[in-house]
PDB file of N, CA and C in Angstrom:
ATOM      1  N   MET A   1      11.529  28.550  19.525  1.00  0.00           N
ATOM      2  CA  MET A   1      12.640  28.390  18.608  1.00  0.00           C
ATOM      3  C   MET A   1      12.090  28.072  17.229  1.00  0.00           C
ATOM      4  N   ALA A   2      12.366  28.899  16.280  1.00  0.00           N
ATOM      5  CA  ALA A   2      11.920  28.682  14.906  1.00  0.00           C
ATOM      6  C   ALA A   2      13.029  27.987  14.118  1.00  0.00           C
ATOM      7  N   LEU A   3      12.630  27.062  13.280  1.00  0.00           N
ATOM      8  CA  LEU A   3      13.580  26.357  12.428  1.00  0.00           C
ATOM      9  C   LEU A   3      13.293  26.696  10.973  1.00  0.00           C
ATOM     10  N   SER A   4      14.337  26.712  10.187  1.00  0.00           N
ATOM     11  CA  SER A   4      14.157  26.991   8.763  1.00  0.00           C
ATOM     12  C   SER A   4      13.458  25.818   8.087  1.00  0.00           C
ATOM     13  N   THR A   5      12.881  26.087   6.966  1.00  0.00           N
ATOM     14  CA  THR A   5      12.222  25.040   6.191  1.00  0.00           C
ATOM     15  C   THR A   5      13.208  23.944   5.831  1.00  0.00           C
ATOM     16  N   ASN A   6      14.415  24.327   5.473  1.00  0.00           N
ATOM     17  CA  ASN A   6      15.442  23.356   5.114  1.00  0.00           C
ATOM     18  C   ASN A   6      15.787  22.455   6.301  1.00  0.00           C
ATOM     19  N   THR A   7      15.871  23.027   7.487  1.00  0.00           N
ATOM     20  CA  THR A   7      16.156  22.242   8.688  1.00  0.00           C
ATOM     21  C   THR A   7      15.025  21.276   8.987  1.00  0.00           C
ATOM     22  N   ILE A   8      13.796  21.731   8.841  1.00  0.00           N
ATOM     23  CA  ILE A   8      12.627  20.868   9.061  1.00  0.00           C
ATOM     24  C   ILE A   8      12.657  19.687   8.085  1.00  0.00           C
ATOM     25  N   ILE A   9      12.981  19.963   6.839  1.00  0.00           N
ATOM     26  CA  ILE A   9      13.047  18.900   5.828  1.00  0.00           C
ATOM     27  C   ILE A   9      14.141  17.902   6.182  1.00  0.00           C
ATOM     28  N   LYS A  10      15.307  18.376   6.570  1.00  0.00           N
ATOM     29  CA  LYS A  10      16.411  17.478   6.932  1.00  0.00           C
ATOM     30  C   LYS A  10      16.074  16.645   8.166  1.00  0.00           C
ATOM     31  N   LEU A  11      15.468  17.266   9.172  1.00  0.00           N
ATOM     32  CA  LEU A  11      15.054  16.519  10.359  1.00  0.00           C
ATOM     33  C   LEU A  11      14.005  15.471  10.009  1.00  0.00           C
ATOM     34  N   SER A  12      13.059  15.834   9.159  1.00  0.00           N
ATOM     35  CA  SER A  12      12.033  14.884   8.724  1.00  0.00           C
ATOM     36  C   SER A  12      12.658  13.698   8.005  1.00  0.00           C
ATOM     37  N   ASP A  13      13.594  13.969   7.132  1.00  0.00           N
ATOM     38  CA  ASP A  13      14.292  12.895   6.422  1.00  0.00           C
ATOM     39  C   ASP A  13      15.027  11.981   7.403  1.00  0.00           C
ATOM     40  N   ALA A  14      15.680  12.577   8.389  1.00  0.00           N
ATOM     41  CA  ALA A  14      16.464  11.802   9.345  1.00  0.00           C
ATOM     42  C   ALA A  14      15.586  10.982  10.284  1.00  0.00           C
ATOM     43  N   LEU A  15      14.409  11.476  10.614  1.00  0.00           N
ATOM     44  CA  LEU A  15      13.557  10.839  11.617  1.00  0.00           C
ATOM     45  C   LEU A  15      12.485   9.915  11.051  1.00  0.00           C
ATOM     46  N   SER A  16      12.172  10.017   9.788  1.00  0.00           N
ATOM     47  CA  SER A  16      10.990   9.333   9.257  1.00  0.00           C
ATOM     48  C   SER A  16      11.031   7.814   9.450  1.00  0.00           C
ATOM     49  N   LYS A  17      12.161   7.161   9.239  1.00  0.00           N
ATOM     50  CA  LYS A  17      12.239   5.711   9.424  1.00  0.00           C
ATOM     51  C   LYS A  17      12.046   5.348  10.893  1.00  0.00           C
ATOM     52  N   ASP A  18      12.689   6.069  11.793  1.00  0.00           N
ATOM     53  CA  ASP A  18      12.551   5.780  13.219  1.00  0.00           C
ATOM     54  C   ASP A  18      11.116   6.003  13.698  1.00  0.00           C
ATOM     55  N   VAL A  19      10.482   7.042  13.201  1.00  0.00           N
ATOM     56  CA  VAL A  19       9.094   7.308  13.581  1.00  0.00           C
ATOM     57  C   VAL A  19       8.174   6.217  13.032  1.00  0.00           C
ATOM     58  N   ALA A  20       8.397   5.799  11.796  1.00  0.00           N
ATOM     59  CA  ALA A  20       7.588   4.716  11.228  1.00  0.00           C
ATOM     60  C   ALA A  20       7.766   3.432  12.020  1.00  0.00           C
ATOM     61  N   ASP A  21       9.007   3.107  12.389  1.00  0.00           N
ATOM     62  CA  ASP A  21       9.262   1.915  13.205  1.00  0.00           C
ATOM     63  C   ASP A  21       8.559   2.017  14.552  1.00  0.00           C
ATOM     64  N   TYR A  22       8.621   3.183  15.163  1.00  0.00           N
ATOM     65  CA  TYR A  22       7.975   3.406  16.454  1.00  0.00           C
ATOM     66  C   TYR A  22       6.464   3.171  16.349  1.00  0.00           C
ATOM     67  N   ILE A  23       5.858   3.743  15.316  1.00  0.00           N
ATOM     68  CA  ILE A  23       4.411   3.603  15.135  1.00  0.00           C
ATOM     69  C   ILE A  23       4.043   2.135  14.910  1.00  0.00           C
ATOM     70  N   MET A  24       4.819   1.436  14.088  1.00  0.00           N
ATOM     71  CA  MET A  24       4.504   0.034  13.802  1.00  0.00           C
ATOM     72  C   MET A  24       4.650  -0.847  15.041  1.00  0.00           C
ATOM     73  N   ASP A  25       5.459  -0.430  15.997  1.00  0.00           N
ATOM     74  CA  ASP A  25       5.655  -1.206  17.223  1.00  0.00           C
ATOM     75  C   ASP A  25       4.570  -0.961  18.272  1.00  0.00           C
ATOM     76  N   GLN A  26       3.696  -0.024  18.024  1.00  0.00           N
ATOM     77  CA  GLN A  26       2.658   0.305  18.998  1.00  0.00           C
ATOM     78  C   GLN A  26       1.444  -0.602  18.820  1.00  0.00           C
ATOM     79  N   PRO A  27       0.879  -1.097  19.922  1.00  0.00           N
ATOM     80  CA  PRO A  27      -0.308  -1.955  19.806  1.00  0.00           C
ATOM     81  C   PRO A  27      -1.493  -1.222  19.165  1.00  0.00           C
ATOM     82  N   GLU A  28      -1.555   0.075  19.325  1.00  0.00           N
ATOM     83  CA  GLU A  28      -2.651   0.836  18.713  1.00  0.00           C
ATOM     84  C   GLU A  28      -2.618   0.747  17.197  1.00  0.00           C
ATOM     85  N   PHE A  29      -1.416   0.657  16.622  1.00  0.00           N
ATOM     86  CA  PHE A  29      -1.296   0.538  15.173  1.00  0.00           C
ATOM     87  C   PHE A  29      -1.910  -0.777  14.712  1.00  0.00           C
ATOM     88  N   PHE A  30      -1.575  -1.859  15.412  1.00  0.00           N
ATOM     89  CA  PHE A  30      -2.145  -3.172  15.084  1.00  0.00           C
ATOM     90  C   PHE A  30      -3.666  -3.144  15.228  1.00  0.00           C
ATOM     91  N   ASP A  31      -4.153  -2.564  16.324  1.00  0.00           N
ATOM     92  CA  ASP A  31      -5.601  -2.475  16.550  1.00  0.00           C
ATOM     93  C   ASP A  31      -6.292  -1.700  15.431  1.00  0.00           C
ATOM     94  N   LEU A  32      -5.668  -0.621  15.003  1.00  0.00           N
ATOM     95  CA  LEU A  32      -6.236   0.186  13.921  1.00  0.00           C
ATOM     96  C   LEU A  32      -6.297  -0.608  12.618  1.00  0.00           C
ATOM     97  N   MET A  33      -5.229  -1.353  12.325  1.00  0.00           N
ATOM     98  CA  MET A  33      -5.210  -2.166  11.117  1.00  0.00           C
ATOM     99  C   MET A  33      -6.286  -3.244  11.164  1.00  0.00           C
ATOM    100  N   VAL A  34      -6.456  -3.865  12.322  1.00  0.00           N
ATOM    101  CA  VAL A  34      -7.476  -4.913  12.478  1.00  0.00           C
ATOM    102  C   VAL A  34      -8.869  -4.341  12.203  1.00  0.00           C
ATOM    103  N   GLN A  35      -9.080  -3.094  12.558  1.00  0.00           N
ATOM    104  CA  GLN A  35     -10.378  -2.459  12.320  1.00  0.00           C
ATOM    105  C   GLN A  35     -10.546  -1.998  10.876  1.00  0.00           C
ATOM    106  N   LEU A  36      -9.497  -1.398  10.332  1.00  0.00           N
ATOM    107  CA  LEU A  36      -9.640  -0.737   9.035  1.00  0.00           C
ATOM    108  C   LEU A  36      -9.543  -1.671   7.832  1.00  0.00           C
ATOM    109  N   ILE A  37      -8.757  -2.716   7.921  1.00  0.00           N
ATOM    110  CA  ILE A  37      -8.610  -3.610   6.760  1.00  0.00           C
ATOM    111  C   ILE A  37      -9.946  -4.249   6.381  1.00  0.00           C
ATOM    112  N   PRO A  38     -10.698  -4.840   7.319  1.00  0.00           N
ATOM    113  CA  PRO A  38     -12.002  -5.391   6.932  1.00  0.00           C
ATOM    114  C   PRO A  38     -12.958  -4.317   6.390  1.00  0.00           C
ATOM    115  N   ASP A  39     -12.891  -3.117   6.955  1.00  0.00           N
ATOM    116  CA  ASP A  39     -13.727  -2.026   6.447  1.00  0.00           C
ATOM    117  C   ASP A  39     -13.374  -1.705   4.997  1.00  0.00           C
ATOM    118  N   ALA A  40     -12.076  -1.674   4.705  1.00  0.00           N
ATOM    119  CA  ALA A  40     -11.631  -1.380   3.334  1.00  0.00           C
ATOM    120  C   ALA A  40     -12.043  -2.491   2.371  1.00  0.00           C
ATOM    121  N   ILE A  41     -11.942  -3.736   2.820  1.00  0.00           N
ATOM    122  CA  ILE A  41     -12.371  -4.862   1.981  1.00  0.00           C
ATOM    123  C   ILE A  41     -13.861  -4.734   1.668  1.00  0.00           C
ATOM    124  N   HIS A  42     -14.649  -4.460   2.682  1.00  0.00           N
ATOM    125  CA  HIS A  42     -16.090  -4.299   2.486  1.00  0.00           C
ATOM    126  C   HIS A  42     -16.381  -3.122   1.546  1.00  0.00           C
ATOM    127  N   ASP A  43     -15.638  -2.031   1.722  1.00  0.00           N
ATOM    128  CA  ASP A  43     -15.835  -0.855   0.874  1.00  0.00           C
ATOM    129  C   ASP A  43     -15.541  -1.170  -0.594  1.00  0.00           C
ATOM    130  N   LYS A  44     -14.526  -1.986  -0.843  1.00  0.00           N
ATOM    131  CA  LYS A  44     -14.128  -2.298  -2.219  1.00  0.00           C
ATOM    132  C   LYS A  44     -14.917  -3.453  -2.839  1.00  0.00           C
ATOM    133  N   LEU A  45     -15.292  -4.452  -2.001  1.00  0.00           N
ATOM    134  CA  LEU A  45     -15.924  -5.656  -2.549  1.00  0.00           C
ATOM    135  C   LEU A  45     -17.383  -5.828  -2.160  1.00  0.00           C
ATOM    136  N   GLY A  46     -17.857  -5.019  -1.231  1.00  0.00           N
ATOM    137  CA  GLY A  46     -19.216  -5.212  -0.738  1.00  0.00           C
ATOM    138  C   GLY A  46     -19.252  -6.358   0.253  1.00  0.00           C
ATOM    139  N   ASP A  47     -20.423  -6.962   0.403  1.00  0.00           N
ATOM    140  CA  ASP A  47     -20.564  -8.075   1.344  1.00  0.00           C
ATOM    141  C   ASP A  47     -19.772  -9.275   0.850  1.00  0.00           C
ATOM    142  N   VAL A  48     -18.908  -9.782   1.728  1.00  0.00           N
ATOM    143  CA  VAL A  48     -18.056 -10.928   1.420  1.00  0.00           C
ATOM    144  C   VAL A  48     -18.246 -11.938   2.552  1.00  0.00           C
ATOM    145  N   ASP A  49     -18.209 -13.212   2.214  1.00  0.00           N
ATOM    146  CA  ASP A  49     -18.274 -14.262   3.214  1.00  0.00           C
ATOM    147  C   ASP A  49     -17.267 -13.963   4.323  1.00  0.00           C
ATOM    148  N   SER A  50     -17.658 -14.170   5.569  1.00  0.00           N
ATOM    149  CA  SER A  50     -16.807 -13.800   6.700  1.00  0.00           C
ATOM    150  C   SER A  50     -15.473 -14.542   6.699  1.00  0.00           C
ATOM    151  N   MET A  51     -15.466 -15.789   6.277  1.00  0.00           N
ATOM    152  CA  MET A  51     -14.199 -16.541   6.213  1.00  0.00           C
ATOM    153  C   MET A  51     -13.280 -15.973   5.132  1.00  0.00           C
ATOM    154  N   VAL A  52     -13.853 -15.616   4.001  1.00  0.00           N
ATOM    155  CA  VAL A  52     -13.070 -15.017   2.916  1.00  0.00           C
ATOM    156  C   VAL A  52     -12.521 -13.669   3.371  1.00  0.00           C
ATOM    157  N   ALA A  53     -13.362 -12.874   4.024  1.00  0.00           N
ATOM    158  CA  ALA A  53     -12.920 -11.567   4.515  1.00  0.00           C
ATOM    159  C   ALA A  53     -11.787 -11.717   5.525  1.00  0.00           C
ATOM    160  N   ALA A  54     -11.873 -12.708   6.393  1.00  0.00           N
ATOM    161  CA  ALA A  54     -10.824 -12.939   7.390  1.00  0.00           C
ATOM    162  C   ALA A  54      -9.512 -13.338   6.710  1.00  0.00           C
ATOM    163  N   GLU A  55      -9.591 -14.224   5.724  1.00  0.00           N
ATOM    164  CA  GLU A  55      -8.388 -14.642   5.005  1.00  0.00           C
ATOM    165  C   GLU A  55      -7.772 -13.474   4.233  1.00  0.00           C
ATOM    166  N   LEU A  56      -8.629 -12.705   3.572  1.00  0.00           N
ATOM    167  CA  LEU A  56      -8.137 -11.525   2.862  1.00  0.00           C
ATOM    168  C   LEU A  56      -7.472 -10.555   3.827  1.00  0.00           C
ATOM    169  N   SER A  57      -8.096 -10.336   4.967  1.00  0.00           N
ATOM    170  CA  SER A  57      -7.548  -9.413   5.964  1.00  0.00           C
ATOM    171  C   SER A  57      -6.154  -9.837   6.399  1.00  0.00           C
ATOM    172  N   MET A  58      -5.985 -11.129   6.659  1.00  0.00           N
ATOM    173  CA  MET A  58      -4.676 -11.636   7.088  1.00  0.00           C
ATOM    174  C   MET A  58      -3.635 -11.428   5.987  1.00  0.00           C
ATOM    175  N   CYS A  59      -3.985 -11.791   4.759  1.00  0.00           N
ATOM    176  CA  CYS A  59      -3.034 -11.653   3.647  1.00  0.00           C
ATOM    177  C   CYS A  59      -2.681 -10.193   3.397  1.00  0.00           C
ATOM    178  N   ILE A  60      -3.671  -9.341   3.434  1.00  0.00           N
ATOM    179  CA  ILE A  60      -3.424  -7.917   3.191  1.00  0.00           C
ATOM    180  C   ILE A  60      -2.563  -7.335   4.305  1.00  0.00           C
ATOM    181  N   SER A  61      -2.864  -7.681   5.559  1.00  0.00           N
ATOM    182  CA  SER A  61      -2.088  -7.114   6.668  1.00  0.00           C
ATOM    183  C   SER A  61      -0.618  -7.503   6.583  1.00  0.00           C
ATOM    184  N   GLU A  62      -0.328  -8.694   6.043  1.00  0.00           N
ATOM    185  CA  GLU A  62       1.066  -9.112   5.871  1.00  0.00           C
ATOM    186  C   GLU A  62       1.783  -8.318   4.799  1.00  0.00           C
ATOM    187  N   ARG A  63       1.018  -7.688   3.914  1.00  0.00           N
ATOM    188  CA  ARG A  63       1.605  -6.952   2.802  1.00  0.00           C
ATOM    189  C   ARG A  63       1.703  -5.444   3.070  1.00  0.00           C
ATOM    190  N   LEU A  64       1.150  -5.010   4.186  1.00  0.00           N
ATOM    191  CA  LEU A  64       1.160  -3.588   4.498  1.00  0.00           C
ATOM    192  C   LEU A  64       2.250  -3.272   5.506  1.00  0.00           C
ATOM    193  N   ALA A  65       2.864  -2.132   5.319  1.00  0.00           N
ATOM    194  CA  ALA A  65       3.865  -1.663   6.270  1.00  0.00           C
ATOM    195  C   ALA A  65       3.912  -0.135   6.202  1.00  0.00           C
ATOM    196  N   LEU A  66       4.208   0.437   7.312  1.00  0.00           N
ATOM    197  CA  LEU A  66       4.425   1.864   7.383  1.00  0.00           C
ATOM    198  C   LEU A  66       5.930   2.059   7.352  1.00  0.00           C
ATOM    199  N   LYS A  67       6.416   2.827   6.392  1.00  0.00           N
ATOM    200  CA  LYS A  67       7.863   2.987   6.299  1.00  0.00           C
ATOM    201  C   LYS A  67       8.222   4.427   6.026  1.00  0.00           C
ATOM    202  N   GLY A  68       9.330   4.803   6.593  1.00  0.00           N
ATOM    203  CA  GLY A  68       9.864   6.131   6.307  1.00  0.00           C
ATOM    204  C   GLY A  68      10.603   6.112   4.988  1.00  0.00           C
ATOM    205  N   VAL A  69      10.516   7.203   4.267  1.00  0.00           N
ATOM    206  CA  VAL A  69      11.191   7.261   2.968  1.00  0.00           C
ATOM    207  C   VAL A  69      12.368   8.196   3.022  1.00  0.00           C
TER     208      VAL A  69
END
């Protein structure tokens, strides 16, 4: 079954929030964030004290969200 581009866009608009909520509720999403946030901190700041990196990771994770638009 082929759908028109317009239909795909409308379905995407209708589903994006629900899909984002679904992804955020998955434990894999949390696991991925736990892995990637410290990597991103290291990439941007270089070597950082482990306690500082942990605190930054916690603060940053509280500010990140996946959301449908």
